[in-house]
Structure formats: structure tokens, C-alpha cells
């Protein structure tokens, strides 16, 4: 693998990790939101 390929692989991996983080964050946010509105 060339340095360029390695770098591209790292970027892809980081992208996936960030995407998953965002998904779970927004999911938790929605869950908390629904729980809070139910408690009101």
C-alpha cells in the first residue's frame, strides 16, 4: 500500500467512526427529548 492509500483508509475509518458517533448522539438526544416531554 502506498502512503496515499493508507491515508485514504484512515480518513474513511475516521469518517465512519464520526458518522456512528453522530448517529448515536442524535439518537440519545431524541430519546432524552421524548422522555423529558413525557415527564412534563
Protein backbone atom coordinates (compact mmCIF):
# COMPACT_ATOMS: atom_id res chain seq x y z
CA UNK A 1 0.00 0.00 0.00
CA UNK A 2 1.21 3.45 -0.83
CA UNK A 3 1.19 6.28 1.67
CA UNK A 4 -1.72 7.84 -0.22
CA UNK A 5 -3.79 4.65 0.10
CA UNK A 6 -3.00 4.37 3.80
CA UNK A 7 -4.04 7.97 4.33
CA UNK A 8 -7.30 7.43 2.42
CA UNK A 9 -8.03 4.35 4.53
CA UNK A 10 -7.50 6.33 7.72
CA UNK A 11 -9.80 9.11 6.50
CA UNK A 12 -12.51 6.57 5.62
CA UNK A 13 -12.24 4.94 9.03
CA UNK A 14 -12.43 8.30 10.81
CA UNK A 15 -15.45 9.23 8.69
CA UNK A 16 -17.24 6.03 9.67
CA UNK A 17 -16.42 6.49 13.36
CA UNK A 18 -17.65 10.10 13.32
CA UNK A 19 -20.81 9.09 11.48
CA UNK A 20 -21.58 6.38 14.04
CA UNK A 21 -20.88 8.83 16.87
CA UNK A 22 -23.26 11.37 15.36
CA UNK A 23 -25.96 8.74 14.86
CA UNK A 24 -25.79 7.54 18.46
CA UNK A 25 -25.58 11.13 19.74
CA UNK A 26 -28.67 12.25 17.86
CA UNK A 27 -30.42 9.02 18.85
CA UNK A 28 -29.70 9.68 22.54
CA UNK A 29 -30.80 13.28 22.07
CA UNK A 30 -34.12 12.17 20.57
CA UNK A 31 -34.60 9.58 23.34
CA UNK A 32 -33.90 12.15 26.05
CA UNK A 33 -36.22 14.59 24.33
CA UNK A 34 -39.10 12.14 24.26
CA UNK A 35 -38.51 11.11 27.87
CA UNK A 36 -38.43 14.75 29.00
CA UNK A 37 -41.60 15.66 27.10
CA UNK A 38 -43.38 12.61 28.57
CA UNK A 39 -42.44 13.67 32.09
CA UNK A 40 -43.89 17.16 31.64
